[in-house]
Amino acid sequence: RELEGLLHNKAVADVRVLGAIGVVELKAAPKDPGALQAKLVDLGVWIRPFGTLIYIMPPYVITKRQLSQLTSAIAEVVSAGIELVEET
């Protein structure tokens, strides 16, 4: 639920949640995935983007606060703007 607001972001193609897996699919891959990952690390989370996907698979024992930290970090970096690879 915390990621659904990103559906209105121009860089986001889709937001999906299935069980404990949350995915934000971008319309194209980020130009610099390493910089995107570094921004997430700066926010205190370890999330590695994979192609057009920013996804999390937290353990079932995660607390609501910890889950919010993950989703808030994703929302923050996406909302701040991600430079995407231009489609050809």
N, C-alpha and C. Protein backbone atom coordinates (compact mmCIF):
# COMPACT_ATOMS: atom_id res chain seq x y z
N ARG A 1 0.81 -1.21 0.00
CA ARG A 1 0.00 0.00 0.00
C ARG A 1 0.85 1.26 0.00
N GLU A 2 1.96 1.23 0.67
CA GLU A 2 2.78 2.44 0.79
C GLU A 2 3.43 2.82 -0.54
N LEU A 3 3.49 1.91 -1.48
CA LEU A 3 4.11 2.20 -2.77
C LEU A 3 3.10 2.65 -3.82
N GLU A 4 1.81 2.47 -3.57
CA GLU A 4 0.79 2.75 -4.57
C GLU A 4 0.79 4.19 -5.07
N GLY A 5 1.17 5.14 -4.23
CA GLY A 5 1.21 6.53 -4.64
C GLY A 5 2.20 6.79 -5.77
N LEU A 6 3.15 5.89 -5.96
CA LEU A 6 4.14 6.06 -7.01
C LEU A 6 3.57 5.79 -8.41
N LEU A 7 2.38 5.23 -8.48
CA LEU A 7 1.76 4.97 -9.78
C LEU A 7 1.56 6.26 -10.58
N HIS A 8 1.49 7.38 -9.89
CA HIS A 8 1.27 8.66 -10.55
C HIS A 8 2.57 9.33 -10.99
N ASN A 9 3.69 8.71 -10.68
CA ASN A 9 4.99 9.26 -11.05
C ASN A 9 5.26 8.97 -12.53
N LYS A 10 5.74 9.97 -13.27
CA LYS A 10 5.94 9.81 -14.72
C LYS A 10 7.00 8.76 -15.07
N ALA A 11 7.90 8.42 -14.15
CA ALA A 11 8.94 7.43 -14.42
C ALA A 11 8.48 6.00 -14.12
N VAL A 12 7.33 5.85 -13.48
CA VAL A 12 6.87 4.54 -13.01
C VAL A 12 5.87 3.92 -13.99
N ALA A 13 6.16 2.68 -14.40
CA ALA A 13 5.26 1.94 -15.28
C ALA A 13 4.21 1.17 -14.48
N ASP A 14 4.62 0.63 -13.32
CA ASP A 14 3.70 -0.19 -12.54
C ASP A 14 4.22 -0.36 -11.11
N VAL A 15 3.30 -0.63 -10.21
CA VAL A 15 3.62 -0.97 -8.83
C VAL A 15 2.87 -2.26 -8.53
N ARG A 16 3.60 -3.26 -8.05
CA ARG A 16 2.97 -4.55 -7.76
C ARG A 16 3.38 -5.04 -6.37
N VAL A 17 2.45 -5.67 -5.71
CA VAL A 17 2.73 -6.33 -4.44
C VAL A 17 2.08 -7.70 -4.49
N LEU A 18 2.88 -8.71 -4.22
CA LEU A 18 2.36 -10.07 -4.17
C LEU A 18 2.98 -10.74 -2.95
N GLY A 19 2.17 -11.00 -1.96
CA GLY A 19 2.70 -11.57 -0.72
C GLY A 19 3.65 -10.58 -0.09
N ALA A 20 4.88 -11.01 0.12
CA ALA A 20 5.88 -10.15 0.75
C ALA A 20 6.78 -9.46 -0.26
N ILE A 21 6.47 -9.57 -1.55
CA ILE A 21 7.30 -8.97 -2.58
C ILE A 21 6.66 -7.67 -3.05
N GLY A 22 7.44 -6.59 -3.03
CA GLY A 22 6.97 -5.30 -3.53
C GLY A 22 7.86 -4.86 -4.68
N VAL A 23 7.23 -4.41 -5.76
CA VAL A 23 7.99 -4.04 -6.96
C VAL A 23 7.51 -2.69 -7.48
N VAL A 24 8.47 -1.83 -7.77
CA VAL A 24 8.21 -0.61 -8.52
C VAL A 24 8.91 -0.80 -9.85
N GLU A 25 8.13 -0.88 -10.93
CA GLU A 25 8.70 -1.06 -12.26
C GLU A 25 8.79 0.31 -12.93
N LEU A 26 9.99 0.66 -13.34
CA LEU A 26 10.21 1.93 -14.03
C LEU A 26 9.91 1.76 -15.52
N LYS A 27 9.64 2.87 -16.20
CA LYS A 27 9.35 2.82 -17.63
C LYS A 27 10.58 2.47 -18.46
N ALA A 28 11.74 2.71 -17.91
CA ALA A 28 13.01 2.34 -18.55
C ALA A 28 14.03 2.16 -17.44
N ALA A 29 15.15 1.57 -17.77
CA ALA A 29 16.20 1.35 -16.77
C ALA A 29 16.82 2.69 -16.36
N PRO A 30 17.26 2.79 -15.11
CA PRO A 30 17.95 4.02 -14.71
C PRO A 30 19.28 4.15 -15.45
N LYS A 31 19.65 5.39 -15.80
CA LYS A 31 20.93 5.60 -16.50
C LYS A 31 22.10 5.18 -15.63
N ASP A 32 21.98 5.42 -14.33
CA ASP A 32 23.07 5.09 -13.41
C ASP A 32 22.52 4.30 -12.22
N PRO A 33 22.37 2.97 -12.37
CA PRO A 33 21.82 2.16 -11.28
C PRO A 33 22.66 2.24 -10.01
N GLY A 34 23.98 2.42 -10.18
CA GLY A 34 24.85 2.52 -9.01
C GLY A 34 24.54 3.75 -8.19
N ALA A 35 24.26 4.86 -8.85
CA ALA A 35 23.90 6.09 -8.14
C ALA A 35 22.56 5.93 -7.44
N LEU A 36 21.63 5.25 -8.10
CA LEU A 36 20.32 4.99 -7.49
C LEU A 36 20.50 4.14 -6.23
N GLN A 37 21.31 3.10 -6.33
CA GLN A 37 21.56 2.26 -5.17
C GLN A 37 22.25 3.05 -4.06
N ALA A 38 23.20 3.91 -4.42
CA ALA A 38 23.90 4.72 -3.42
C ALA A 38 22.94 5.64 -2.68
N LYS A 39 21.96 6.20 -3.39
CA LYS A 39 20.96 7.05 -2.74
C LYS A 39 20.15 6.24 -1.73
N LEU A 40 19.80 5.02 -2.10
CA LEU A 40 19.05 4.16 -1.19
C LEU A 40 19.89 3.83 0.04
N VAL A 41 21.15 3.53 -0.16
CA VAL A 41 22.05 3.23 0.96
C VAL A 41 22.18 4.46 1.87
N ASP A 42 22.26 5.65 1.27
CA ASP A 42 22.32 6.88 2.06
C ASP A 42 21.08 7.04 2.95
N LEU A 43 19.97 6.47 2.50
CA LEU A 43 18.72 6.52 3.28
C LEU A 43 18.62 5.37 4.28
N GLY A 44 19.67 4.57 4.36
CA GLY A 44 19.73 3.52 5.37
C GLY A 44 19.15 2.18 4.98
N VAL A 45 18.97 1.96 3.67
CA VAL A 45 18.44 0.67 3.22
C VAL A 45 19.34 0.09 2.14
N TRP A 46 19.37 -1.21 2.05
CA TRP A 46 20.15 -1.91 1.04
C TRP A 46 19.18 -2.52 0.04
N ILE A 47 18.97 -1.80 -1.05
CA ILE A 47 18.08 -2.25 -2.11
C ILE A 47 18.86 -2.11 -3.41
N ARG A 48 18.95 -3.19 -4.17
CA ARG A 48 19.66 -3.17 -5.44
C ARG A 48 18.66 -3.16 -6.58
N PRO A 49 18.63 -2.08 -7.37
CA PRO A 49 17.76 -2.08 -8.55
C PRO A 49 18.21 -3.16 -9.53
N PHE A 50 17.26 -3.72 -10.25
CA PHE A 50 17.56 -4.78 -11.22
C PHE A 50 16.87 -4.43 -12.52
N GLY A 51 17.63 -3.91 -13.47
CA GLY A 51 17.04 -3.48 -14.74
C GLY A 51 16.05 -2.36 -14.49
N THR A 52 14.80 -2.59 -14.86
CA THR A 52 13.76 -1.58 -14.66
C THR A 52 13.05 -1.73 -13.32
N LEU A 53 13.50 -2.67 -12.51
CA LEU A 53 12.79 -2.99 -11.26
C LEU A 53 13.53 -2.48 -10.02
N ILE A 54 12.76 -1.91 -9.12
CA ILE A 54 13.22 -1.66 -7.76
C ILE A 54 12.31 -2.53 -6.91
N TYR A 55 12.87 -3.55 -6.29
CA TYR A 55 12.01 -4.51 -5.60
C TYR A 55 12.55 -4.83 -4.21
N ILE A 56 11.63 -5.25 -3.38
CA ILE A 56 12.02 -5.70 -2.04
C ILE A 56 11.36 -7.04 -1.76
N MET A 57 12.06 -7.87 -1.01
CA MET A 57 11.56 -9.17 -0.56
C MET A 57 11.91 -9.30 0.91
N PRO A 58 11.24 -8.51 1.75
CA PRO A 58 11.60 -8.53 3.16
C PRO A 58 11.18 -9.83 3.84
N PRO A 59 11.84 -10.16 4.94
CA PRO A 59 11.46 -11.37 5.67
C PRO A 59 10.09 -11.19 6.32
N TYR A 60 9.43 -12.29 6.57
CA TYR A 60 8.09 -12.25 7.19
C TYR A 60 8.12 -11.66 8.59
N VAL A 61 9.26 -11.65 9.23
CA VAL A 61 9.36 -11.14 10.60
C VAL A 61 9.66 -9.64 10.65
N ILE A 62 9.62 -8.97 9.52
CA ILE A 62 9.91 -7.53 9.49
C ILE A 62 8.83 -6.77 10.26
N THR A 63 9.25 -5.72 10.94
CA THR A 63 8.27 -4.89 11.66
C THR A 63 7.66 -3.87 10.70
N LYS A 64 6.54 -3.31 11.08
CA LYS A 64 5.91 -2.28 10.24
C LYS A 64 6.83 -1.09 10.06
N ARG A 65 7.57 -0.72 11.10
CA ARG A 65 8.49 0.41 11.01
C ARG A 65 9.60 0.11 10.02
N GLN A 66 10.14 -1.09 10.07
CA GLN A 66 11.21 -1.47 9.14
C GLN A 66 10.71 -1.50 7.70
N LEU A 67 9.51 -2.03 7.50
CA LEU A 67 8.93 -2.07 6.16
C LEU A 67 8.69 -0.65 5.64
N SER A 68 8.22 0.22 6.50
CA SER A 68 8.01 1.61 6.11
C SER A 68 9.32 2.29 5.75
N GLN A 69 10.40 1.92 6.43
CA GLN A 69 11.70 2.49 6.10
C GLN A 69 12.10 2.10 4.66
N LEU A 70 11.85 0.86 4.29
CA LEU A 70 12.15 0.41 2.93
C LEU A 70 11.30 1.12 1.89
N THR A 71 9.97 1.12 2.13
CA THR A 71 9.08 1.72 1.14
C THR A 71 9.25 3.23 1.06
N SER A 72 9.52 3.87 2.17
CA SER A 72 9.74 5.32 2.18
C SER A 72 11.00 5.68 1.40
N ALA A 73 12.04 4.87 1.53
CA ALA A 73 13.27 5.12 0.79
C ALA A 73 13.03 5.00 -0.72
N ILE A 74 12.30 3.97 -1.12
CA ILE A 74 11.97 3.81 -2.54
C ILE A 74 11.18 5.01 -3.02
N ALA A 75 10.15 5.38 -2.27
CA ALA A 75 9.32 6.53 -2.66
C ALA A 75 10.13 7.81 -2.75
N GLU A 76 11.05 7.99 -1.83
CA GLU A 76 11.86 9.22 -1.82
C GLU A 76 12.76 9.32 -3.05
N VAL A 77 13.45 8.23 -3.39
CA VAL A 77 14.35 8.31 -4.55
C VAL A 77 13.58 8.42 -5.86
N VAL A 78 12.45 7.74 -5.95
CA VAL A 78 11.65 7.83 -7.17
C VAL A 78 11.04 9.23 -7.30
N SER A 79 10.53 9.76 -6.21
CA SER A 79 9.91 11.08 -6.23
C SER A 79 10.93 12.19 -6.48
N ALA A 80 12.17 11.97 -6.08
CA ALA A 80 13.23 12.97 -6.29
C ALA A 80 13.63 13.04 -7.76
N GLY A 81 13.26 12.03 -8.51
CA GLY A 81 13.58 12.00 -9.93
C GLY A 81 14.70 11.02 -10.24
N ILE A 82 14.44 10.17 -11.21
CA ILE A 82 15.42 9.20 -11.65
C ILE A 82 15.64 9.43 -13.13
N GLU A 83 16.89 9.60 -13.53
CA GLU A 83 17.19 9.76 -14.94
C GLU A 83 17.18 8.37 -15.57
N LEU A 84 16.32 8.19 -16.55
CA LEU A 84 16.15 6.90 -17.19
C LEU A 84 16.86 6.85 -18.53
N VAL A 85 17.22 5.63 -18.93
CA VAL A 85 17.79 5.41 -20.25
C VAL A 85 16.68 5.69 -21.27
N GLU A 86 16.99 6.45 -22.28
CA GLU A 86 15.99 6.76 -23.30
C GLU A 86 15.77 5.53 -24.17
N GLU A 87 14.49 5.26 -24.43
CA GLU A 87 14.16 4.12 -25.29
C GLU A 87 14.43 4.50 -26.73
N THR A 88 14.93 3.53 -27.51
CA THR A 88 15.23 3.80 -28.91
C THR A 88 14.25 3.09 -29.82
